[in-house]
Amino acid sequence: MTDLLIDDHSLEIIRKELQKDDAIAMRIFIGGGGCCKHFEIIPVKKALTGDITFIRGGLRIFVEKELAQNTSKIEIKNDEHKGLLMI
């Protein structure tokens, strides 16, 4: 993966979630199954084997290895009606 883009408002939302859950990082991974796969993001206390670590705005973001290897860019932005969106 070449780029992980996160806007400032999204970074602040993530920072608050990490504090609330007493987690050290967020993890982005592929969830779902079959034809309904999608990105998921959750607070975590440690990386899983193979996760790729990114630092954005002083926050650690772990990205699942398969996702990092097969995606050129992930962008996280906040939509005031839908919350955090990953595209």
PDB file of N, CA and C in Angstrom:
ATOM      1  N   MET A   1       0.854  -1.171   0.000  1.00  0.00           N
ATOM      2  CA  MET A   1       0.000   0.000   0.000  1.00  0.00           C
ATOM      3  C   MET A   1       0.896   1.227   0.000  1.00  0.00           C
ATOM      4  N   THR A   2       0.564   2.155  -0.828  1.00  0.00           N
ATOM      5  CA  THR A   2       1.405   3.330  -0.916  1.00  0.00           C
ATOM      6  C   THR A   2       0.929   4.493  -0.060  1.00  0.00           C
ATOM      7  N   ASP A   3      -0.369   4.568   0.248  1.00  0.00           N
ATOM      8  CA  ASP A   3      -0.834   5.746   0.967  1.00  0.00           C
ATOM      9  C   ASP A   3      -2.014   5.453   1.887  1.00  0.00           C
ATOM     10  N   LEU A   4      -1.939   6.036   3.071  1.00  0.00           N
ATOM     11  CA  LEU A   4      -3.039   6.015   4.037  1.00  0.00           C
ATOM     12  C   LEU A   4      -3.316   7.464   4.379  1.00  0.00           C
ATOM     13  N   LEU A   5      -4.455   7.962   3.930  1.00  0.00           N
ATOM     14  CA  LEU A   5      -4.829   9.363   4.128  1.00  0.00           C
ATOM     15  C   LEU A   5      -5.946   9.456   5.155  1.00  0.00           C
ATOM     16  N   ILE A   6      -5.763  10.320   6.157  1.00  0.00           N
ATOM     17  CA  ILE A   6      -6.775  10.507   7.194  1.00  0.00           C
ATOM     18  C   ILE A   6      -6.904  11.999   7.450  1.00  0.00           C
ATOM     19  N   ASP A   7      -8.124  12.535   7.323  1.00  0.00           N
ATOM     20  CA  ASP A   7      -8.289  13.963   7.566  1.00  0.00           C
ATOM     21  C   ASP A   7      -8.209  14.269   9.064  1.00  0.00           C
ATOM     22  N   ASP A   8      -7.978  15.538   9.389  1.00  0.00           N
ATOM     23  CA  ASP A   8      -7.762  15.945  10.779  1.00  0.00           C
ATOM     24  C   ASP A   8      -8.943  15.630  11.689  1.00  0.00           C
ATOM     25  N   HIS A   9     -10.159  15.840  11.198  1.00  0.00           N
ATOM     26  CA  HIS A   9     -11.343  15.557  12.027  1.00  0.00           C
ATOM     27  C   HIS A   9     -11.449  14.066  12.333  1.00  0.00           C
ATOM     28  N   SER A  10     -11.144  13.233  11.350  1.00  0.00           N
ATOM     29  CA  SER A  10     -11.164  11.787  11.556  1.00  0.00           C
ATOM     30  C   SER A  10     -10.100  11.355  12.555  1.00  0.00           C
ATOM     31  N   LEU A  11      -8.917  11.977  12.486  1.00  0.00           N
ATOM     32  CA  LEU A  11      -7.866  11.673  13.459  1.00  0.00           C
ATOM     33  C   LEU A  11      -8.336  11.961  14.881  1.00  0.00           C
ATOM     34  N   GLU A  12      -9.051  13.052  15.060  1.00  0.00           N
ATOM     35  CA  GLU A  12      -9.548  13.406  16.392  1.00  0.00           C
ATOM     36  C   GLU A  12     -10.595  12.391  16.864  1.00  0.00           C
ATOM     37  N   ILE A  13     -11.463  11.953  15.981  1.00  0.00           N
ATOM     38  CA  ILE A  13     -12.460  10.928  16.327  1.00  0.00           C
ATOM     39  C   ILE A  13     -11.756   9.635  16.724  1.00  0.00           C
ATOM     40  N   ILE A  14     -10.764   9.231  15.957  1.00  0.00           N
ATOM     41  CA  ILE A  14     -10.011   8.009  16.251  1.00  0.00           C
ATOM     42  C   ILE A  14      -9.294   8.140  17.586  1.00  0.00           C
ATOM     43  N   ARG A  15      -8.677   9.291  17.829  1.00  0.00           N
ATOM     44  CA  ARG A  15      -7.967   9.533  19.094  1.00  0.00           C
ATOM     45  C   ARG A  15      -8.924   9.349  20.289  1.00  0.00           C
ATOM     46  N   LYS A  16     -10.121   9.874  20.194  1.00  0.00           N
ATOM     47  CA  LYS A  16     -11.112   9.752  21.277  1.00  0.00           C
ATOM     48  C   LYS A  16     -11.532   8.298  21.481  1.00  0.00           C
ATOM     49  N   GLU A  17     -11.712   7.562  20.389  1.00  0.00           N
ATOM     50  CA  GLU A  17     -12.091   6.150  20.491  1.00  0.00           C
ATOM     51  C   GLU A  17     -10.982   5.329  21.150  1.00  0.00           C
ATOM     52  N   LEU A  18      -9.743   5.619  20.797  1.00  0.00           N
ATOM     53  CA  LEU A  18      -8.622   4.905  21.403  1.00  0.00           C
ATOM     54  C   LEU A  18      -8.570   5.159  22.906  1.00  0.00           C
ATOM     55  N   GLN A  19      -8.778   6.402  23.314  1.00  0.00           N
ATOM     56  CA  GLN A  19      -8.776   6.726  24.745  1.00  0.00           C
ATOM     57  C   GLN A  19      -9.933   6.032  25.456  1.00  0.00           C
ATOM     58  N   LYS A  20     -11.103   6.058  24.845  1.00  0.00           N
ATOM     59  CA  LYS A  20     -12.294   5.445  25.440  1.00  0.00           C
ATOM     60  C   LYS A  20     -12.107   3.942  25.641  1.00  0.00           C
ATOM     61  N   ASP A  21     -11.472   3.284  24.676  1.00  0.00           N
ATOM     62  CA  ASP A  21     -11.281   1.826  24.724  1.00  0.00           C
ATOM     63  C   ASP A  21      -9.944   1.418  25.318  1.00  0.00           C
ATOM     64  N   ASP A  22      -9.159   2.391  25.772  1.00  0.00           N
ATOM     65  CA  ASP A  22      -7.829   2.126  26.322  1.00  0.00           C
ATOM     66  C   ASP A  22      -7.013   1.253  25.370  1.00  0.00           C
ATOM     67  N   ALA A  23      -7.057   1.618  24.099  1.00  0.00           N
ATOM     68  CA  ALA A  23      -6.348   0.875  23.052  1.00  0.00           C
ATOM     69  C   ALA A  23      -5.133   1.681  22.593  1.00  0.00           C
ATOM     70  N   ILE A  24      -4.179   0.992  21.969  1.00  0.00           N
ATOM     71  CA  ILE A  24      -2.964   1.677  21.519  1.00  0.00           C
ATOM     72  C   ILE A  24      -3.018   2.064  20.043  1.00  0.00           C
ATOM     73  N   ALA A  25      -3.949   1.453  19.291  1.00  0.00           N
ATOM     74  CA  ALA A  25      -3.983   1.690  17.845  1.00  0.00           C
ATOM     75  C   ALA A  25      -5.347   1.305  17.289  1.00  0.00           C
ATOM     76  N   MET A  26      -5.569   1.698  16.036  1.00  0.00           N
ATOM     77  CA  MET A  26      -6.717   1.223  15.272  1.00  0.00           C
ATOM     78  C   MET A  26      -6.197   0.195  14.282  1.00  0.00           C
ATOM     79  N   ARG A  27      -7.035  -0.785  13.987  1.00  0.00           N
ATOM     80  CA  ARG A  27      -6.665  -1.813  13.001  1.00  0.00           C
ATOM     81  C   ARG A  27      -7.671  -1.781  11.869  1.00  0.00           C
ATOM     82  N   ILE A  28      -7.161  -1.728  10.643  1.00  0.00           N
ATOM     83  CA  ILE A  28      -8.005  -1.769   9.447  1.00  0.00           C
ATOM     84  C   ILE A  28      -7.818  -3.139   8.816  1.00  0.00           C
ATOM     85  N   PHE A  29      -8.944  -3.783   8.511  1.00  0.00           N
ATOM     86  CA  PHE A  29      -8.883  -5.130   7.941  1.00  0.00           C
ATOM     87  C   PHE A  29     -10.082  -5.359   7.042  1.00  0.00           C
ATOM     88  N   ILE A  30     -10.046  -6.471   6.316  1.00  0.00           N
ATOM     89  CA  ILE A  30     -11.152  -6.848   5.443  1.00  0.00           C
ATOM     90  C   ILE A  30     -12.119  -7.702   6.249  1.00  0.00           C
ATOM     91  N   GLY A  31     -13.370  -7.258   6.331  1.00  0.00           N
ATOM     92  CA  GLY A  31     -14.404  -7.988   7.054  1.00  0.00           C
ATOM     93  C   GLY A  31     -15.475  -8.489   6.101  1.00  0.00           C
ATOM     94  N   GLY A  32     -16.442  -9.162   6.646  1.00  0.00           N
ATOM     95  CA  GLY A  32     -17.515  -9.697   5.832  1.00  0.00           C
ATOM     96  C   GLY A  32     -17.077 -10.969   5.136  1.00  0.00           C
ATOM     97  N   GLY A  33     -17.870 -11.393   4.187  1.00  0.00           N
ATOM     98  CA  GLY A  33     -17.532 -12.615   3.467  1.00  0.00           C
ATOM     99  C   GLY A  33     -18.254 -12.682   2.148  1.00  0.00           C
ATOM    100  N   GLY A  34     -17.858 -13.627   1.336  1.00  0.00           N
ATOM    101  CA  GLY A  34     -18.496 -13.811   0.035  1.00  0.00           C
ATOM    102  C   GLY A  34     -18.391 -12.559  -0.809  1.00  0.00           C
ATOM    103  N   CYS A  35     -19.518 -12.130  -1.348  1.00  0.00           N
ATOM    104  CA  CYS A  35     -19.530 -10.942  -2.212  1.00  0.00           C
ATOM    105  C   CYS A  35     -19.667  -9.647  -1.414  1.00  0.00           C
ATOM    106  N   CYS A  36     -19.760  -9.744  -0.096  1.00  0.00           N
ATOM    107  CA  CYS A  36     -20.009  -8.557   0.734  1.00  0.00           C
ATOM    108  C   CYS A  36     -18.811  -8.173   1.595  1.00  0.00           C
ATOM    109  N   LYS A  37     -17.620  -8.278   1.061  1.00  0.00           N
ATOM    110  CA  LYS A  37     -16.432  -7.889   1.826  1.00  0.00           C
ATOM    111  C   LYS A  37     -16.365  -6.377   1.917  1.00  0.00           C
ATOM    112  N   HIS A  38     -15.828  -5.900   3.030  1.00  0.00           N
ATOM    113  CA  HIS A  38     -15.725  -4.465   3.255  1.00  0.00           C
ATOM    114  C   HIS A  38     -14.592  -4.180   4.237  1.00  0.00           C
ATOM    115  N   PHE A  39     -14.148  -2.930   4.268  1.00  0.00           N
ATOM    116  CA  PHE A  39     -13.140  -2.512   5.234  1.00  0.00           C
ATOM    117  C   PHE A  39     -13.787  -2.374   6.589  1.00  0.00           C
ATOM    118  N   GLU A  40     -13.070  -2.758   7.627  1.00  0.00           N
ATOM    119  CA  GLU A  40     -13.513  -2.524   8.997  1.00  0.00           C
ATOM    120  C   GLU A  40     -12.375  -1.872   9.756  1.00  0.00           C
ATOM    121  N   ILE A  41     -12.718  -1.113  10.795  1.00  0.00           N
ATOM    122  CA  ILE A  41     -11.722  -0.458  11.630  1.00  0.00           C
ATOM    123  C   ILE A  41     -12.151  -0.624  13.085  1.00  0.00           C
ATOM    124  N   ILE A  42     -11.221  -1.100  13.915  1.00  0.00           N
ATOM    125  CA  ILE A  42     -11.524  -1.309  15.330  1.00  0.00           C
ATOM    126  C   ILE A  42     -10.322  -0.894  16.180  1.00  0.00           C
ATOM    127  N   PRO A  43     -10.586  -0.455  17.414  1.00  0.00           N
ATOM    128  CA  PRO A  43      -9.478  -0.182  18.333  1.00  0.00           C
ATOM    129  C   PRO A  43      -8.888  -1.505  18.818  1.00  0.00           C
ATOM    130  N   VAL A  44      -7.550  -1.553  18.925  1.00  0.00           N
ATOM    131  CA  VAL A  44      -6.873  -2.782  19.357  1.00  0.00           C
ATOM    132  C   VAL A  44      -5.753  -2.464  20.338  1.00  0.00           C
ATOM    133  N   LYS A  45      -5.356  -3.482  21.084  1.00  0.00           N
ATOM    134  CA  LYS A  45      -4.264  -3.339  22.049  1.00  0.00           C
ATOM    135  C   LYS A  45      -2.927  -3.816  21.487  1.00  0.00           C
ATOM    136  N   LYS A  46      -2.982  -4.562  20.340  1.00  0.00           N
ATOM    137  CA  LYS A  46      -1.743  -5.007  19.704  1.00  0.00           C
ATOM    138  C   LYS A  46      -2.016  -5.345  18.241  1.00  0.00           C
ATOM    139  N   ALA A  47      -0.936  -5.345  17.469  1.00  0.00           N
ATOM    140  CA  ALA A  47      -1.024  -5.726  16.058  1.00  0.00           C
ATOM    141  C   ALA A  47      -1.096  -7.241  15.945  1.00  0.00           C
ATOM    142  N   LEU A  48      -1.660  -7.710  14.868  1.00  0.00           N
ATOM    143  CA  LEU A  48      -1.625  -9.139  14.565  1.00  0.00           C
ATOM    144  C   LEU A  48      -0.394  -9.415  13.706  1.00  0.00           C
ATOM    145  N   THR A  49       0.040 -10.651  13.688  1.00  0.00           N
ATOM    146  CA  THR A  49       1.204 -11.042  12.901  1.00  0.00           C
ATOM    147  C   THR A  49       1.012 -10.619  11.450  1.00  0.00           C
ATOM    148  N   GLY A  50       1.988  -9.913  10.928  1.00  0.00           N
ATOM    149  CA  GLY A  50       1.947  -9.496   9.529  1.00  0.00           C
ATOM    150  C   GLY A  50       1.344  -8.123   9.297  1.00  0.00           C
ATOM    151  N   ASP A  51       0.674  -7.545  10.294  1.00  0.00           N
ATOM    152  CA  ASP A  51       0.093  -6.215  10.119  1.00  0.00           C
ATOM    153  C   ASP A  51       1.182  -5.206   9.771  1.00  0.00           C
ATOM    154  N   ILE A  52       0.834  -4.246   8.940  1.00  0.00           N
ATOM    155  CA  ILE A  52       1.729  -3.161   8.567  1.00  0.00           C
ATOM    156  C   ILE A  52       1.347  -1.949   9.420  1.00  0.00           C
ATOM    157  N   THR A  53       2.336  -1.304  10.044  1.00  0.00           N
ATOM    158  CA  THR A  53       2.082  -0.178  10.934  1.00  0.00           C
ATOM    159  C   THR A  53       2.295   1.146  10.214  1.00  0.00           C
ATOM    160  N   PHE A  54       1.315   2.035  10.332  1.00  0.00           N
ATOM    161  CA  PHE A  54       1.397   3.398   9.826  1.00  0.00           C
ATOM    162  C   PHE A  54       1.238   4.337  11.003  1.00  0.00           C
ATOM    163  N   ILE A  55       1.894   5.472  10.949  1.00  0.00           N
ATOM    164  CA  ILE A  55       1.730   6.516  11.961  1.00  0.00           C
ATOM    165  C   ILE A  55       1.143   7.728  11.245  1.00  0.00           C
ATOM    166  N   ARG A  56       0.000   8.187  11.706  1.00  0.00           N
ATOM    167  CA  ARG A  56      -0.652   9.364  11.134  1.00  0.00           C
ATOM    168  C   ARG A  56      -1.111  10.241  12.282  1.00  0.00           C
ATOM    169  N   GLY A  57      -0.701  11.490  12.279  1.00  0.00           N
ATOM    170  CA  GLY A  57      -1.111  12.424  13.326  1.00  0.00           C
ATOM    171  C   GLY A  57      -0.744  11.943  14.716  1.00  0.00           C
ATOM    172  N   GLY A  58       0.356  11.188  14.827  1.00  0.00           N
ATOM    173  CA  GLY A  58       0.782  10.659  16.117  1.00  0.00           C
ATOM    174  C   GLY A  58       0.040   9.404  16.549  1.00  0.00           C
ATOM    175  N   LEU A  59      -0.856   8.896  15.716  1.00  0.00           N
ATOM    176  CA  LEU A  59      -1.621   7.686  16.036  1.00  0.00           C
ATOM    177  C   LEU A  59      -1.094   6.505  15.231  1.00  0.00           C
ATOM    178  N   ARG A  60      -1.121   5.334  15.855  1.00  0.00           N
ATOM    179  CA  ARG A  60      -0.736   4.101  15.151  1.00  0.00           C
ATOM    180  C   ARG A  60      -1.965   3.486  14.492  1.00  0.00           C
ATOM    181  N   ILE A  61      -1.786   3.109  13.253  1.00  0.00           N
ATOM    182  CA  ILE A  61      -2.827   2.417  12.492  1.00  0.00           C
ATOM    183  C   ILE A  61      -2.200   1.130  11.968  1.00  0.00           C
ATOM    184  N   PHE A  62      -2.766  -0.009  12.358  1.00  0.00           N
ATOM    185  CA  PHE A  62      -2.313  -1.303  11.855  1.00  0.00           C
ATOM    186  C   PHE A  62      -3.212  -1.679  10.683  1.00  0.00           C
ATOM    187  N   VAL A  63      -2.598  -2.067   9.577  1.00  0.00           N
ATOM    188  CA  VAL A  63      -3.357  -2.476   8.397  1.00  0.00           C
ATOM    189  C   VAL A  63      -3.040  -3.939   8.118  1.00  0.00           C
ATOM    190  N   GLU A  64      -4.089  -4.729   7.967  1.00  0.00           N
ATOM    191  CA  GLU A  64      -3.942  -6.148   7.650  1.00  0.00           C
ATOM    192  C   GLU A  64      -3.006  -6.316   6.447  1.00  0.00           C
ATOM    193  N   LYS A  65      -2.094  -7.254   6.539  1.00  0.00           N
ATOM    194  CA  LYS A  65      -1.056  -7.452   5.517  1.00  0.00           C
ATOM    195  C   LYS A  65      -1.647  -7.612   4.118  1.00  0.00           C
ATOM    196  N   GLU A  66      -2.638  -8.476   3.969  1.00  0.00           N
ATOM    197  CA  GLU A  66      -3.243  -8.718   2.658  1.00  0.00           C
ATOM    198  C   GLU A  66      -3.849  -7.440   2.086  1.00  0.00           C
ATOM    199  N   LEU A  67      -4.502  -6.681   2.927  1.00  0.00           N
ATOM    200  CA  LEU A  67      -5.097  -5.423   2.487  1.00  0.00           C
ATOM    201  C   LEU A  67      -4.014  -4.434   2.066  1.00  0.00           C
ATOM    202  N   ALA A  68      -2.968  -4.327   2.854  1.00  0.00           N
ATOM    203  CA  ALA A  68      -1.870  -3.404   2.539  1.00  0.00           C
ATOM    204  C   ALA A  68      -1.181  -3.785   1.235  1.00  0.00           C
ATOM    205  N   GLN A  69      -1.052  -5.064   0.979  1.00  0.00           N
ATOM    206  CA  GLN A  69      -0.362  -5.523  -0.223  1.00  0.00           C
ATOM    207  C   GLN A  69      -1.206  -5.368  -1.490  1.00  0.00           C
ATOM    208  N   ASN A  70      -2.517  -5.333  -1.338  1.00  0.00           N
ATOM    209  CA  ASN A  70      -3.393  -5.337  -2.507  1.00  0.00           C
ATOM    210  C   ASN A  70      -4.194  -4.054  -2.695  1.00  0.00           C
ATOM    211  N   THR A  71      -3.862  -3.016  -1.958  1.00  0.00           N
ATOM    212  CA  THR A  71      -4.570  -1.746  -2.047  1.00  0.00           C
ATOM    213  C   THR A  71      -3.548  -0.632  -2.218  1.00  0.00           C
ATOM    214  N   SER A  72      -3.780   0.244  -3.169  1.00  0.00           N
ATOM    215  CA  SER A  72      -2.820   1.328  -3.381  1.00  0.00           C
ATOM    216  C   SER A  72      -3.068   2.507  -2.451  1.00  0.00           C
ATOM    217  N   LYS A  73      -4.320   2.678  -1.998  1.00  0.00           N
ATOM    218  CA  LYS A  73      -4.622   3.824  -1.140  1.00  0.00           C
ATOM    219  C   LYS A  73      -5.870   3.543  -0.309  1.00  0.00           C
ATOM    220  N   ILE A  74      -5.824   3.951   0.944  1.00  0.00           N
ATOM    221  CA  ILE A  74      -7.012   3.965   1.802  1.00  0.00           C
ATOM    222  C   ILE A  74      -7.157   5.394   2.307  1.00  0.00           C
ATOM    223  N   GLU A  75      -8.355   5.933   2.184  1.00  0.00           N
ATOM    224  CA  GLU A  75      -8.626   7.274   2.684  1.00  0.00           C
ATOM    225  C   GLU A  75      -9.733   7.184   3.729  1.00  0.00           C
ATOM    226  N   ILE A  76      -9.488   7.792   4.882  1.00  0.00           N
ATOM    227  CA  ILE A  76     -10.493   7.847   5.941  1.00  0.00           C
ATOM    228  C   ILE A  76     -10.899   9.294   6.092  1.00  0.00           C
ATOM    229  N   LYS A  77     -12.198   9.530   5.973  1.00  0.00           N
ATOM    230  CA  LYS A  77     -12.703  10.882   6.161  1.00  0.00           C
ATOM    231  C   LYS A  77     -14.007  10.817   6.931  1.00  0.00           C
ATOM    232  N   ASN A  78     -14.357  11.942   7.521  1.00  0.00           N
ATOM    233  CA  ASN A  78     -15.568  11.997   8.332  1.00  0.00           C
ATOM    234  C   ASN A  78     -16.702  12.629   7.535  1.00  0.00           C
ATOM    235  N   ASP A  79     -17.847  11.968   7.557  1.00  0.00           N
ATOM    236  CA  ASP A  79     -19.076  12.520   6.985  1.00  0.00           C
ATOM    237  C   ASP A  79     -19.989  12.815   8.164  1.00  0.00           C
ATOM    238  N   GLU A  80     -20.477  14.043   8.256  1.00  0.00           N
ATOM    239  CA  GLU A  80     -21.252  14.429   9.436  1.00  0.00           C
ATOM    240  C   GLU A  80     -22.522  13.604   9.632  1.00  0.00           C
ATOM    241  N   HIS A  81     -23.012  12.958   8.589  1.00  0.00           N
ATOM    242  CA  HIS A  81     -24.228  12.143   8.702  1.00  0.00           C
ATOM    243  C   HIS A  81     -23.927  10.650   8.852  1.00  0.00           C
ATOM    244  N   LYS A  82     -22.828  10.183   8.258  1.00  0.00           N
ATOM    245  CA  LYS A  82     -22.521   8.755   8.235  1.00  0.00           C
ATOM    246  C   LYS A  82     -21.377   8.358   9.152  1.00  0.00           C
ATOM    247  N   GLY A  83     -20.629   9.328   9.679  1.00  0.00           N
ATOM    248  CA  GLY A  83     -19.477   9.026  10.526  1.00  0.00           C
ATOM    249  C   GLY A  83     -18.230   8.795   9.690  1.00  0.00           C
ATOM    250  N   LEU A  84     -17.337   7.950  10.184  1.00  0.00           N
ATOM    251  CA  LEU A  84     -16.089   7.686   9.468  1.00  0.00           C
ATOM    252  C   LEU A  84     -16.351   6.828   8.231  1.00  0.00           C
ATOM    253  N   LEU A  85     -15.781   7.254   7.130  1.00  0.00           N
ATOM    254  CA  LEU A  85     -15.890   6.510   5.885  1.00  0.00           C
ATOM    255  C   LEU A  85     -14.501   6.117   5.424  1.00  0.00           C
ATOM    256  N   MET A  86     -14.345   4.889   4.955  1.00  0.00           N
ATOM    257  CA  MET A  86     -13.088   4.432   4.375  1.00  0.00           C
ATOM    258  C   MET A  86     -13.328   4.168   2.896  1.00  0.00           C
ATOM    259  N   ILE A  87     -12.515   4.814   2.084  1.00  0.00           N
ATOM    260  CA  ILE A  87     -12.669   4.650   0.633  1.00  0.00           C
ATOM    261  C   ILE A  87     -11.323   4.326   0.020  1.00  0.00           C
TER     262      ILE A  87
END
